[in-house]
Amino acid sequence: MSSAQARNCLSLSSPNDYLGLKIGEELEHLFALQSPCFIVSYNPSARSAQMLLDGEVDGELLRIEGFEPYKTAGMAMVPVPLIIGEAILVTRDFKVSAIEDISQATLGIRRGTEWSDSLSQGHENRITVPSYELMVEMFKKGRIDAFLIDDLNLREYRDTLAGVNKVVLKQSGVYIWLSKEHENLVPDVARILREFYAQGHSFAGL
């Protein structure tokens, strides 16, 4: 048994993408000697959210402030963002400057990513894909015309997607959410994050 498990650390889930892996590792390190401490597991985005709703984990990383399933279930959000990111529309068409400009295009979104689902509501030709990796591959092969991704995960594909149009649609923060059973820990987690930022640090080198 690890020392973290022996201390009954909170179990958190994180999306298993580039950003989730980096921030999850850094959070574990930051909270290793704190109370609470965290153990992070990595799962597909839709599965990650469902794990908290089903009570399989104590919390989840990288969800937006207004995530309706968590609000409805009474989950507790730590009111200090982990990062502020940008929602990006990737397309080959350089005449595009807004999502409304691609109304006839085949648009890819990642399953379980609430902001992309919200931004693409009403788009007729929308395809849901399980991962950004597969979505980029489909875009490269011409199977989709455009897709939505955040600017931080986009870094992993900067070489692959060189020379295409990347349109910033909006900016928003993402947060740690805890189960309602651990709502009492929100002030402690928020304090640790604020102290971390006050010392000039940030997550994922941002």
N, C-alpha and C. Protein backbone atom coordinates (compact mmCIF):
# COMPACT_ATOMS: atom_id res chain seq x y z
N MET A 1 0.84 -1.19 0.00
CA MET A 1 0.00 0.00 0.00
C MET A 1 0.88 1.25 0.00
N SER A 2 0.54 2.22 -0.87
CA SER A 2 1.32 3.45 -0.93
C SER A 2 1.01 4.31 0.28
N SER A 3 1.91 5.27 0.56
CA SER A 3 1.67 6.17 1.70
C SER A 3 0.42 7.00 1.47
N ALA A 4 0.16 7.35 0.19
CA ALA A 4 -1.04 8.14 -0.12
C ALA A 4 -2.30 7.35 0.20
N GLN A 5 -2.33 6.07 -0.18
CA GLN A 5 -3.49 5.24 0.11
C GLN A 5 -3.65 5.05 1.62
N ALA A 6 -2.53 4.92 2.33
CA ALA A 6 -2.57 4.72 3.77
C ALA A 6 -3.17 5.94 4.47
N ARG A 7 -3.03 7.12 3.88
CA ARG A 7 -3.57 8.35 4.47
C ARG A 7 -5.02 8.60 4.06
N ASN A 8 -5.62 7.68 3.32
CA ASN A 8 -7.00 7.86 2.86
C ASN A 8 -7.17 9.13 2.04
N CYS A 9 -6.32 9.29 1.06
CA CYS A 9 -6.43 10.43 0.16
C CYS A 9 -7.73 10.37 -0.64
N LEU A 10 -8.21 11.52 -1.09
CA LEU A 10 -9.38 11.55 -1.94
C LEU A 10 -9.03 10.99 -3.31
N SER A 11 -9.94 10.21 -3.88
CA SER A 11 -9.75 9.70 -5.24
C SER A 11 -10.43 10.65 -6.21
N LEU A 12 -9.66 11.17 -7.16
CA LEU A 12 -10.18 12.07 -8.17
C LEU A 12 -10.01 11.44 -9.55
N SER A 13 -10.95 11.72 -10.44
CA SER A 13 -10.81 11.30 -11.83
C SER A 13 -10.49 12.52 -12.69
N SER A 14 -9.76 12.26 -13.77
CA SER A 14 -9.40 13.32 -14.71
C SER A 14 -9.56 12.79 -16.13
N PRO A 15 -9.97 13.63 -17.08
CA PRO A 15 -9.96 13.18 -18.47
C PRO A 15 -8.57 12.71 -18.88
N ASN A 16 -8.51 11.65 -19.66
CA ASN A 16 -7.21 11.05 -20.00
C ASN A 16 -6.63 11.65 -21.28
N ASP A 17 -6.66 12.98 -21.37
CA ASP A 17 -6.04 13.66 -22.50
C ASP A 17 -4.75 14.34 -22.05
N TYR A 18 -4.10 15.02 -22.99
CA TYR A 18 -2.82 15.68 -22.72
C TYR A 18 -2.90 16.58 -21.49
N LEU A 19 -3.92 17.41 -21.45
CA LEU A 19 -4.06 18.37 -20.35
C LEU A 19 -4.38 17.67 -19.04
N GLY A 20 -5.31 16.72 -19.08
CA GLY A 20 -5.69 16.00 -17.87
C GLY A 20 -4.53 15.27 -17.23
N LEU A 21 -3.70 14.64 -18.05
CA LEU A 21 -2.55 13.90 -17.53
C LEU A 21 -1.55 14.84 -16.86
N LYS A 22 -1.29 15.98 -17.48
CA LYS A 22 -0.31 16.92 -16.92
C LYS A 22 -0.81 17.53 -15.61
N ILE A 23 -2.05 18.01 -15.61
CA ILE A 23 -2.56 18.67 -14.42
C ILE A 23 -2.81 17.67 -13.30
N GLY A 24 -3.27 16.47 -13.64
CA GLY A 24 -3.47 15.45 -12.62
C GLY A 24 -2.19 15.12 -11.89
N GLU A 25 -1.12 14.96 -12.63
CA GLU A 25 0.18 14.66 -12.02
C GLU A 25 0.65 15.81 -11.13
N GLU A 26 0.48 17.03 -11.61
CA GLU A 26 0.94 18.19 -10.83
C GLU A 26 0.08 18.39 -9.57
N LEU A 27 -1.21 18.11 -9.67
CA LEU A 27 -2.07 18.22 -8.49
C LEU A 27 -1.70 17.19 -7.43
N GLU A 28 -1.46 15.96 -7.85
CA GLU A 28 -1.03 14.93 -6.90
C GLU A 28 0.22 15.38 -6.15
N HIS A 29 1.16 15.96 -6.89
CA HIS A 29 2.41 16.42 -6.29
C HIS A 29 2.15 17.58 -5.32
N LEU A 30 1.34 18.55 -5.75
CA LEU A 30 1.06 19.72 -4.93
C LEU A 30 0.39 19.33 -3.61
N PHE A 31 -0.53 18.38 -3.66
CA PHE A 31 -1.32 18.01 -2.48
C PHE A 31 -0.74 16.82 -1.73
N ALA A 32 0.42 16.33 -2.14
CA ALA A 32 0.98 15.10 -1.55
C ALA A 32 1.15 15.19 -0.04
N LEU A 33 1.56 16.36 0.46
CA LEU A 33 1.80 16.52 1.89
C LEU A 33 0.73 17.36 2.57
N GLN A 34 -0.39 17.55 1.85
CA GLN A 34 -1.46 18.40 2.36
C GLN A 34 -2.61 17.55 2.90
N SER A 35 -3.57 18.22 3.49
CA SER A 35 -4.81 17.57 3.89
C SER A 35 -5.96 18.39 3.30
N PRO A 36 -6.68 17.85 2.31
CA PRO A 36 -6.61 16.46 1.83
C PRO A 36 -5.47 16.26 0.83
N CYS A 37 -5.11 14.99 0.65
CA CYS A 37 -4.21 14.61 -0.45
C CYS A 37 -5.07 13.94 -1.53
N PHE A 38 -4.52 13.84 -2.74
CA PHE A 38 -5.27 13.33 -3.88
C PHE A 38 -4.58 12.14 -4.52
N ILE A 39 -5.38 11.18 -5.00
CA ILE A 39 -4.92 10.15 -5.93
C ILE A 39 -5.75 10.31 -7.19
N VAL A 40 -5.11 10.52 -8.33
CA VAL A 40 -5.82 10.81 -9.58
C VAL A 40 -5.77 9.60 -10.50
N SER A 41 -6.93 9.25 -11.05
CA SER A 41 -7.01 8.23 -12.11
C SER A 41 -7.44 8.93 -13.40
N TYR A 42 -7.20 8.28 -14.52
CA TYR A 42 -7.41 8.92 -15.82
C TYR A 42 -8.37 8.09 -16.67
N ASN A 43 -9.42 8.77 -17.17
CA ASN A 43 -10.50 8.07 -17.85
C ASN A 43 -11.03 8.91 -19.02
N PRO A 44 -11.69 8.26 -20.01
CA PRO A 44 -12.34 9.04 -21.06
C PRO A 44 -13.28 10.09 -20.46
N SER A 45 -13.41 11.23 -21.12
CA SER A 45 -14.09 12.38 -20.52
C SER A 45 -15.50 12.06 -20.03
N ALA A 46 -16.33 11.40 -20.84
CA ALA A 46 -17.69 11.09 -20.43
C ALA A 46 -17.70 10.13 -19.25
N ARG A 47 -16.82 9.14 -19.28
CA ARG A 47 -16.72 8.16 -18.20
C ARG A 47 -16.24 8.83 -16.91
N SER A 48 -15.32 9.79 -17.04
CA SER A 48 -14.77 10.48 -15.88
C SER A 48 -15.87 11.20 -15.11
N ALA A 49 -16.75 11.89 -15.82
CA ALA A 49 -17.85 12.59 -15.16
C ALA A 49 -18.82 11.61 -14.50
N GLN A 50 -19.11 10.52 -15.21
CA GLN A 50 -20.07 9.55 -14.69
C GLN A 50 -19.56 8.88 -13.41
N MET A 51 -18.24 8.71 -13.31
CA MET A 51 -17.67 8.09 -12.12
C MET A 51 -17.99 8.90 -10.86
N LEU A 52 -17.92 10.23 -10.96
CA LEU A 52 -18.27 11.05 -9.79
C LEU A 52 -19.77 10.98 -9.52
N LEU A 53 -20.58 11.02 -10.55
CA LEU A 53 -22.02 10.95 -10.37
C LEU A 53 -22.44 9.61 -9.75
N ASP A 54 -21.70 8.54 -10.07
CA ASP A 54 -22.02 7.21 -9.54
C ASP A 54 -21.38 6.93 -8.19
N GLY A 55 -20.59 7.88 -7.68
CA GLY A 55 -19.95 7.68 -6.38
C GLY A 55 -18.73 6.79 -6.41
N GLU A 56 -18.15 6.57 -7.60
CA GLU A 56 -16.96 5.73 -7.71
C GLU A 56 -15.69 6.47 -7.33
N VAL A 57 -15.73 7.79 -7.39
CA VAL A 57 -14.59 8.62 -6.99
C VAL A 57 -15.11 9.76 -6.11
N ASP A 58 -14.19 10.44 -5.44
CA ASP A 58 -14.56 11.54 -4.53
C ASP A 58 -14.64 12.89 -5.24
N GLY A 59 -14.08 12.98 -6.45
CA GLY A 59 -14.09 14.24 -7.15
C GLY A 59 -13.60 14.08 -8.57
N GLU A 60 -13.66 15.20 -9.32
CA GLU A 60 -13.18 15.18 -10.71
C GLU A 60 -12.53 16.50 -11.04
N LEU A 61 -11.58 16.46 -11.97
CA LEU A 61 -10.85 17.64 -12.41
C LEU A 61 -11.39 18.15 -13.75
N LEU A 62 -11.16 19.43 -13.98
CA LEU A 62 -11.27 20.03 -15.30
C LEU A 62 -12.69 20.07 -15.85
N ARG A 63 -13.65 20.44 -15.00
CA ARG A 63 -15.02 20.68 -15.45
C ARG A 63 -15.34 22.17 -15.31
N ILE A 64 -16.18 22.65 -16.22
CA ILE A 64 -16.54 24.07 -16.20
C ILE A 64 -17.44 24.39 -15.01
N GLU A 65 -17.58 25.67 -14.73
CA GLU A 65 -18.32 26.13 -13.56
C GLU A 65 -19.79 25.71 -13.59
N GLY A 66 -20.41 25.81 -14.74
CA GLY A 66 -21.84 25.56 -14.81
C GLY A 66 -22.21 24.15 -15.26
N PHE A 67 -21.40 23.16 -14.93
CA PHE A 67 -21.66 21.79 -15.40
C PHE A 67 -22.95 21.27 -14.77
N GLU A 68 -24.00 21.20 -15.57
CA GLU A 68 -25.36 20.96 -15.06
C GLU A 68 -25.52 19.64 -14.30
N PRO A 69 -24.96 18.51 -14.80
CA PRO A 69 -25.14 17.26 -14.03
C PRO A 69 -24.60 17.35 -12.60
N TYR A 70 -23.50 18.06 -12.41
CA TYR A 70 -22.93 18.19 -11.07
C TYR A 70 -23.77 19.14 -10.21
N LYS A 71 -24.25 20.23 -10.82
CA LYS A 71 -25.08 21.16 -10.07
C LYS A 71 -26.36 20.48 -9.61
N THR A 72 -26.97 19.70 -10.50
CA THR A 72 -28.21 18.99 -10.17
C THR A 72 -27.99 17.98 -9.05
N ALA A 73 -26.83 17.32 -9.07
CA ALA A 73 -26.52 16.29 -8.07
C ALA A 73 -26.00 16.86 -6.76
N GLY A 74 -25.83 18.18 -6.69
CA GLY A 74 -25.37 18.81 -5.45
C GLY A 74 -23.89 18.68 -5.19
N MET A 75 -23.09 18.45 -6.26
CA MET A 75 -21.64 18.38 -6.09
C MET A 75 -21.09 19.76 -5.73
N ALA A 76 -19.92 19.80 -5.12
CA ALA A 76 -19.33 21.05 -4.63
C ALA A 76 -18.13 21.44 -5.50
N MET A 77 -18.17 22.63 -6.06
CA MET A 77 -17.07 23.12 -6.88
C MET A 77 -16.08 23.92 -6.05
N VAL A 78 -14.80 23.66 -6.21
CA VAL A 78 -13.77 24.48 -5.59
C VAL A 78 -13.67 25.76 -6.41
N PRO A 79 -13.96 26.94 -5.83
CA PRO A 79 -14.15 28.16 -6.63
C PRO A 79 -12.84 28.86 -7.05
N VAL A 80 -11.83 28.07 -7.32
CA VAL A 80 -10.55 28.61 -7.81
C VAL A 80 -10.20 27.82 -9.08
N PRO A 81 -10.15 28.46 -10.25
CA PRO A 81 -9.90 27.69 -11.48
C PRO A 81 -8.52 27.06 -11.51
N LEU A 82 -8.45 25.86 -12.07
CA LEU A 82 -7.14 25.23 -12.28
C LEU A 82 -6.42 25.92 -13.42
N ILE A 83 -7.15 26.24 -14.46
CA ILE A 83 -6.60 26.96 -15.61
C ILE A 83 -7.72 27.76 -16.26
N ILE A 84 -7.36 28.72 -17.07
CA ILE A 84 -8.29 29.43 -17.95
C ILE A 84 -7.90 29.03 -19.37
N GLY A 85 -8.84 28.45 -20.10
CA GLY A 85 -8.53 27.96 -21.44
C GLY A 85 -9.42 28.59 -22.50
N GLU A 86 -9.08 28.35 -23.76
CA GLU A 86 -9.84 28.88 -24.88
C GLU A 86 -10.47 27.73 -25.67
N ALA A 87 -11.70 27.95 -26.10
CA ALA A 87 -12.38 27.00 -26.98
C ALA A 87 -12.00 27.35 -28.42
N ILE A 88 -11.47 26.37 -29.15
CA ILE A 88 -10.94 26.61 -30.50
C ILE A 88 -11.73 25.80 -31.53
N LEU A 89 -12.09 26.45 -32.62
CA LEU A 89 -12.65 25.79 -33.81
C LEU A 89 -11.53 25.62 -34.82
N VAL A 90 -11.25 24.37 -35.21
CA VAL A 90 -10.20 24.08 -36.18
C VAL A 90 -10.85 23.75 -37.52
N THR A 91 -10.43 24.43 -38.57
CA THR A 91 -10.99 24.22 -39.90
C THR A 91 -9.92 24.55 -40.95
N ARG A 92 -10.08 24.00 -42.15
CA ARG A 92 -9.16 24.33 -43.25
C ARG A 92 -9.55 25.63 -43.94
N ASP A 93 -10.76 26.09 -43.70
CA ASP A 93 -11.32 27.25 -44.40
C ASP A 93 -10.94 28.53 -43.65
N PHE A 94 -10.11 29.34 -44.27
CA PHE A 94 -9.65 30.57 -43.62
C PHE A 94 -10.66 31.72 -43.72
N LYS A 95 -11.79 31.48 -44.38
CA LYS A 95 -12.86 32.48 -44.38
C LYS A 95 -13.73 32.37 -43.13
N VAL A 96 -13.56 31.30 -42.38
CA VAL A 96 -14.36 31.06 -41.19
C VAL A 96 -13.84 31.90 -40.01
N SER A 97 -14.77 32.61 -39.35
CA SER A 97 -14.38 33.38 -38.17
C SER A 97 -15.31 33.11 -36.98
N ALA A 98 -16.33 32.26 -37.18
CA ALA A 98 -17.27 31.90 -36.12
C ALA A 98 -17.87 30.54 -36.45
N ILE A 99 -18.42 29.87 -35.44
CA ILE A 99 -18.97 28.54 -35.67
C ILE A 99 -20.17 28.59 -36.62
N GLU A 100 -20.86 29.73 -36.67
CA GLU A 100 -22.01 29.87 -37.57
C GLU A 100 -21.59 29.84 -39.04
N ASP A 101 -20.30 30.09 -39.31
CA ASP A 101 -19.81 30.10 -40.69
C ASP A 101 -19.66 28.71 -41.29
N ILE A 102 -19.80 27.66 -40.46
CA ILE A 102 -19.59 26.29 -40.97
C ILE A 102 -20.87 25.47 -40.86
N SER A 103 -22.01 26.10 -41.09
CA SER A 103 -23.31 25.44 -40.87
C SER A 103 -23.50 24.18 -41.70
N GLN A 104 -22.86 24.09 -42.85
CA GLN A 104 -23.00 22.90 -43.71
C GLN A 104 -21.86 21.90 -43.52
N ALA A 105 -20.89 22.23 -42.73
CA ALA A 105 -19.71 21.38 -42.58
C ALA A 105 -19.97 20.26 -41.57
N THR A 106 -19.20 19.18 -41.71
CA THR A 106 -19.22 18.09 -40.73
C THR A 106 -18.32 18.49 -39.57
N LEU A 107 -18.90 18.63 -38.38
CA LEU A 107 -18.18 19.14 -37.21
C LEU A 107 -17.97 18.02 -36.20
N GLY A 108 -16.72 17.83 -35.76
CA GLY A 108 -16.40 16.84 -34.75
C GLY A 108 -16.34 17.46 -33.37
N ILE A 109 -16.94 16.77 -32.37
CA ILE A 109 -16.79 17.18 -30.98
C ILE A 109 -16.43 15.95 -30.15
N ARG A 110 -15.75 16.16 -29.02
CA ARG A 110 -15.37 15.03 -28.18
C ARG A 110 -16.50 14.67 -27.23
N ARG A 111 -16.79 13.41 -27.13
CA ARG A 111 -17.83 12.91 -26.24
C ARG A 111 -17.51 13.27 -24.78
N GLY A 112 -18.53 13.77 -24.07
CA GLY A 112 -18.35 14.07 -22.66
C GLY A 112 -17.72 15.41 -22.37
N THR A 113 -17.55 16.26 -23.39
CA THR A 113 -16.94 17.58 -23.22
C THR A 113 -18.05 18.62 -23.34
N GLU A 114 -18.55 19.10 -22.19
CA GLU A 114 -19.79 19.86 -22.16
C GLU A 114 -19.71 21.17 -22.92
N TRP A 115 -18.55 21.84 -22.89
CA TRP A 115 -18.49 23.15 -23.56
C TRP A 115 -18.62 23.00 -25.07
N SER A 116 -18.05 21.93 -25.64
CA SER A 116 -18.15 21.75 -27.09
C SER A 116 -19.56 21.33 -27.48
N ASP A 117 -20.21 20.56 -26.62
CA ASP A 117 -21.60 20.19 -26.87
C ASP A 117 -22.48 21.44 -26.86
N SER A 118 -22.24 22.33 -25.90
CA SER A 118 -23.03 23.55 -25.79
C SER A 118 -22.80 24.48 -26.99
N LEU A 119 -21.54 24.65 -27.38
CA LEU A 119 -21.22 25.56 -28.48
C LEU A 119 -21.75 25.06 -29.83
N SER A 120 -21.92 23.75 -29.96
CA SER A 120 -22.34 23.19 -31.25
C SER A 120 -23.81 22.81 -31.28
N GLN A 121 -24.57 23.18 -30.24
CA GLN A 121 -26.00 22.89 -30.24
C GLN A 121 -26.66 23.50 -31.48
N GLY A 122 -27.48 22.70 -32.15
CA GLY A 122 -28.16 23.18 -33.34
C GLY A 122 -27.39 22.96 -34.63
N HIS A 123 -26.11 22.55 -34.52
CA HIS A 123 -25.35 22.25 -35.73
C HIS A 123 -25.86 20.92 -36.31
N GLU A 124 -26.30 20.94 -37.55
CA GLU A 124 -26.98 19.78 -38.13
C GLU A 124 -26.08 18.58 -38.32
N ASN A 125 -24.85 18.82 -38.76
CA ASN A 125 -23.98 17.70 -39.14
C ASN A 125 -22.85 17.57 -38.12
N ARG A 126 -23.20 17.03 -36.96
CA ARG A 126 -22.26 16.95 -35.85
C ARG A 126 -21.93 15.49 -35.55
N ILE A 127 -20.64 15.20 -35.38
CA ILE A 127 -20.19 13.84 -35.08
C ILE A 127 -19.50 13.84 -33.73
N THR A 128 -19.90 12.91 -32.85
CA THR A 128 -19.28 12.78 -31.53
C THR A 128 -18.20 11.70 -31.58
N VAL A 129 -17.01 12.06 -31.12
CA VAL A 129 -15.82 11.21 -31.22
C VAL A 129 -15.27 10.98 -29.81
N PRO A 130 -14.76 9.78 -29.49
CA PRO A 130 -14.34 9.49 -28.11
C PRO A 130 -13.06 10.19 -27.65
N SER A 131 -12.20 10.64 -28.57
CA SER A 131 -10.93 11.24 -28.15
C SER A 131 -10.47 12.29 -29.14
N TYR A 132 -9.64 13.22 -28.65
CA TYR A 132 -9.05 14.22 -29.54
C TYR A 132 -8.11 13.57 -30.55
N GLU A 133 -7.41 12.55 -30.13
CA GLU A 133 -6.48 11.86 -31.02
C GLU A 133 -7.20 11.33 -32.26
N LEU A 134 -8.34 10.67 -32.04
CA LEU A 134 -9.11 10.15 -33.16
C LEU A 134 -9.70 11.28 -33.99
N MET A 135 -10.12 12.35 -33.35
CA MET A 135 -10.71 13.47 -34.06
C MET A 135 -9.69 14.13 -35.00
N VAL A 136 -8.48 14.32 -34.53
CA VAL A 136 -7.43 14.90 -35.38
C VAL A 136 -7.14 13.98 -36.56
N GLU A 137 -7.13 12.67 -36.31
CA GLU A 137 -6.90 11.70 -37.39
C GLU A 137 -8.02 11.78 -38.43
N MET A 138 -9.25 11.88 -37.98
CA MET A 138 -10.38 12.00 -38.91
C MET A 138 -10.30 13.30 -39.72
N PHE A 139 -9.88 14.37 -39.06
CA PHE A 139 -9.73 15.65 -39.76
C PHE A 139 -8.64 15.56 -40.83
N LYS A 140 -7.53 14.94 -40.49
CA LYS A 140 -6.42 14.80 -41.44
C LYS A 140 -6.84 13.97 -42.66
N LYS A 141 -7.71 12.98 -42.43
CA LYS A 141 -8.16 12.10 -43.53
C LYS A 141 -9.37 12.66 -44.27
N GLY A 142 -9.86 13.84 -43.86
CA GLY A 142 -10.98 14.46 -44.54
C GLY A 142 -12.34 13.89 -44.18
N ARG A 143 -12.42 13.13 -43.09
CA ARG A 143 -13.70 12.53 -42.68
C ARG A 143 -14.56 13.52 -41.92
N ILE A 144 -13.96 14.56 -41.35
CA ILE A 144 -14.69 15.69 -40.80
C ILE A 144 -14.06 16.97 -41.34
N ASP A 145 -14.88 18.02 -41.43
CA ASP A 145 -14.41 19.29 -42.01
C ASP A 145 -13.83 20.23 -40.97
N ALA A 146 -14.27 20.06 -39.73
CA ALA A 146 -13.84 20.96 -38.65
C ALA A 146 -14.07 20.24 -37.33
N PHE A 147 -13.46 20.77 -36.26
CA PHE A 147 -13.69 20.19 -34.93
C PHE A 147 -13.41 21.22 -33.85
N LEU A 148 -13.90 20.92 -32.64
CA LEU A 148 -13.71 21.78 -31.48
C LEU A 148 -12.71 21.14 -30.53
N ILE A 149 -11.80 21.95 -30.00
CA ILE A 149 -10.78 21.49 -29.06
C ILE A 149 -10.35 22.68 -28.22
N ASP A 150 -9.87 22.45 -27.01
CA ASP A 150 -9.36 23.57 -26.22
C ASP A 150 -7.91 23.86 -26.62
N ASP A 151 -7.48 25.09 -26.37
CA ASP A 151 -6.16 25.53 -26.81
C ASP A 151 -5.03 24.75 -26.15
N LEU A 152 -5.27 24.20 -24.96
CA LEU A 152 -4.20 23.52 -24.23
C LEU A 152 -3.98 22.11 -24.77
N ASN A 153 -5.06 21.38 -25.05
CA ASN A 153 -4.90 20.08 -25.71
C ASN A 153 -4.42 20.24 -27.14
N LEU A 154 -4.73 21.37 -27.75
CA LEU A 154 -4.29 21.63 -29.13
C LEU A 154 -2.77 21.65 -29.24
N ARG A 155 -2.09 21.98 -28.15
CA ARG A 155 -0.62 22.02 -28.17
C ARG A 155 -0.01 20.69 -28.58
N GLU A 156 -0.67 19.59 -28.20
CA GLU A 156 -0.13 18.28 -28.52
C GLU A 156 -0.09 18.03 -30.03
N TYR A 157 -0.94 18.78 -30.77
CA TYR A 157 -1.07 18.54 -32.21
C TYR A 157 -0.59 19.75 -33.03
N ARG A 158 0.23 20.60 -32.43
CA ARG A 158 0.62 21.84 -33.11
C ARG A 158 1.34 21.57 -34.43
N ASP A 159 2.18 20.53 -34.48
CA ASP A 159 2.87 20.22 -35.74
C ASP A 159 1.93 19.58 -36.75
N THR A 160 1.11 18.66 -36.29
CA THR A 160 0.16 17.97 -37.16
C THR A 160 -0.82 18.94 -37.80
N LEU A 161 -1.20 19.98 -37.06
CA LEU A 161 -2.23 20.91 -37.53
C LEU A 161 -1.65 22.26 -37.95
N ALA A 162 -0.38 22.28 -38.27
CA ALA A 162 0.22 23.52 -38.77
C ALA A 162 -0.45 23.91 -40.10
N GLY A 163 -0.70 25.19 -40.27
CA GLY A 163 -1.23 25.66 -41.54
C GLY A 163 -2.73 25.57 -41.70
N VAL A 164 -3.47 25.30 -40.60
CA VAL A 164 -4.93 25.32 -40.68
C VAL A 164 -5.46 26.49 -39.86
N ASN A 165 -6.73 26.82 -40.06
CA ASN A 165 -7.35 27.95 -39.38
C ASN A 165 -7.79 27.54 -37.98
N LYS A 166 -7.40 28.32 -36.98
CA LYS A 166 -7.77 28.04 -35.58
C LYS A 166 -8.46 29.27 -35.03
N VAL A 167 -9.77 29.17 -34.83
CA VAL A 167 -10.60 30.30 -34.44
C VAL A 167 -10.95 30.21 -32.95
N VAL A 168 -10.62 31.24 -32.18
CA VAL A 168 -10.97 31.28 -30.75
C VAL A 168 -12.45 31.65 -30.63
N LEU A 169 -13.24 30.78 -29.98
CA LEU A 169 -14.67 31.01 -29.83
C LEU A 169 -15.03 31.61 -28.48
N LYS A 170 -14.38 31.17 -27.40
CA LYS A 170 -14.68 31.69 -26.07
C LYS A 170 -13.55 31.30 -25.12
N GLN A 171 -13.55 31.90 -23.95
CA GLN A 171 -12.57 31.62 -22.91
C GLN A 171 -13.30 31.27 -21.62
N SER A 172 -12.84 30.23 -20.92
CA SER A 172 -13.50 29.87 -19.66
C SER A 172 -12.53 29.12 -18.76
N GLY A 173 -12.87 29.06 -17.47
CA GLY A 173 -12.06 28.34 -16.50
C GLY A 173 -12.59 26.93 -16.29
N VAL A 174 -11.72 26.06 -15.80
CA VAL A 174 -12.14 24.71 -15.40
C VAL A 174 -11.68 24.47 -13.96
N TYR A 175 -12.41 23.61 -13.24
CA TYR A 175 -12.31 23.55 -11.80
C TYR A 175 -12.25 22.10 -11.29
N ILE A 176 -11.94 21.97 -10.00
CA ILE A 176 -12.12 20.71 -9.28
C ILE A 176 -13.54 20.69 -8.72
N TRP A 177 -14.23 19.57 -8.92
CA TRP A 177 -15.52 19.34 -8.28
C TRP A 177 -15.38 18.18 -7.31
N LEU A 178 -15.98 18.31 -6.12
CA LEU A 178 -15.97 17.25 -5.11
C LEU A 178 -17.40 16.78 -4.85
N SER A 179 -17.50 15.52 -4.40
CA SER A 179 -18.81 15.00 -4.02
C SER A 179 -19.35 15.80 -2.84
N LYS A 180 -20.67 15.80 -2.67
CA LYS A 180 -21.27 16.58 -1.59
C LYS A 180 -20.82 16.09 -0.22
N GLU A 181 -20.40 14.83 -0.14
CA GLU A 181 -19.89 14.30 1.13
C GLU A 181 -18.58 14.98 1.55
N HIS A 182 -17.88 15.54 0.59
CA HIS A 182 -16.60 16.18 0.89
C HIS A 182 -16.66 17.70 0.73
N GLU A 183 -17.87 18.26 0.74
CA GLU A 183 -18.04 19.70 0.57
C GLU A 183 -17.28 20.49 1.62
N ASN A 184 -17.11 19.91 2.81
CA ASN A 184 -16.40 20.60 3.89
C ASN A 184 -14.92 20.83 3.58
N LEU A 185 -14.39 20.11 2.59
CA LEU A 185 -12.97 20.25 2.24
C LEU A 185 -12.71 21.35 1.21
N VAL A 186 -13.78 21.91 0.65
CA VAL A 186 -13.62 22.92 -0.40
C VAL A 186 -12.77 24.10 0.06
N PRO A 187 -12.98 24.68 1.26
CA PRO A 187 -12.15 25.82 1.68
C PRO A 187 -10.66 25.48 1.76
N ASP A 188 -10.32 24.27 2.23
CA ASP A 188 -8.91 23.88 2.34
C ASP A 188 -8.28 23.74 0.96
N VAL A 189 -8.99 23.11 0.03
CA VAL A 189 -8.46 22.94 -1.33
C VAL A 189 -8.29 24.30 -2.00
N ALA A 190 -9.28 25.17 -1.82
CA ALA A 190 -9.20 26.52 -2.41
C ALA A 190 -8.01 27.29 -1.85
N ARG A 191 -7.80 27.18 -0.54
CA ARG A 191 -6.67 27.90 0.09
C ARG A 191 -5.34 27.42 -0.47
N ILE A 192 -5.17 26.12 -0.61
CA ILE A 192 -3.91 25.57 -1.13
C ILE A 192 -3.66 26.04 -2.56
N LEU A 193 -4.72 26.06 -3.38
CA LEU A 193 -4.58 26.53 -4.76
C LEU A 193 -4.22 28.02 -4.80
N ARG A 194 -4.86 28.82 -3.96
CA ARG A 194 -4.57 30.27 -3.95
C ARG A 194 -3.12 30.52 -3.51
N GLU A 195 -2.65 29.78 -2.53
CA GLU A 195 -1.26 29.94 -2.09
C GLU A 195 -0.29 29.54 -3.19
N PHE A 196 -0.62 28.48 -3.91
CA PHE A 196 0.19 28.01 -5.04
C PHE A 196 0.33 29.11 -6.11
N TYR A 197 -0.82 29.74 -6.45
CA TYR A 197 -0.78 30.81 -7.45
C TYR A 197 -0.07 32.06 -6.92
N ALA A 198 -0.25 32.36 -5.63
CA ALA A 198 0.37 33.54 -5.05
C ALA A 198 1.89 33.45 -5.06
N GLN A 199 2.40 32.23 -5.08
CA GLN A 199 3.85 32.01 -5.13
C GLN A 199 4.39 32.07 -6.57
N GLY A 200 3.50 32.40 -7.52
CA GLY A 200 3.91 32.55 -8.90
C GLY A 200 3.87 31.27 -9.72
N HIS A 201 3.27 30.21 -9.17
CA HIS A 201 3.20 28.94 -9.89
C HIS A 201 1.93 28.86 -10.73
N SER A 202 1.91 27.87 -11.64
CA SER A 202 0.72 27.60 -12.43
C SER A 202 0.76 26.14 -12.87
N PHE A 203 -0.35 25.65 -13.38
CA PHE A 203 -0.43 24.27 -13.83
C PHE A 203 -0.10 24.16 -15.31
N ALA A 204 0.54 23.03 -15.67
CA ALA A 204 0.86 22.70 -17.06
C ALA A 204 1.70 23.79 -17.73
N GLY A 205 2.46 24.53 -16.92
CA GLY A 205 3.34 25.56 -17.47
C GLY A 205 2.59 26.72 -18.07
N LEU A 206 1.37 26.99 -17.59
CA LEU A 206 0.53 28.03 -18.19
C LEU A 206 0.58 29.32 -17.40
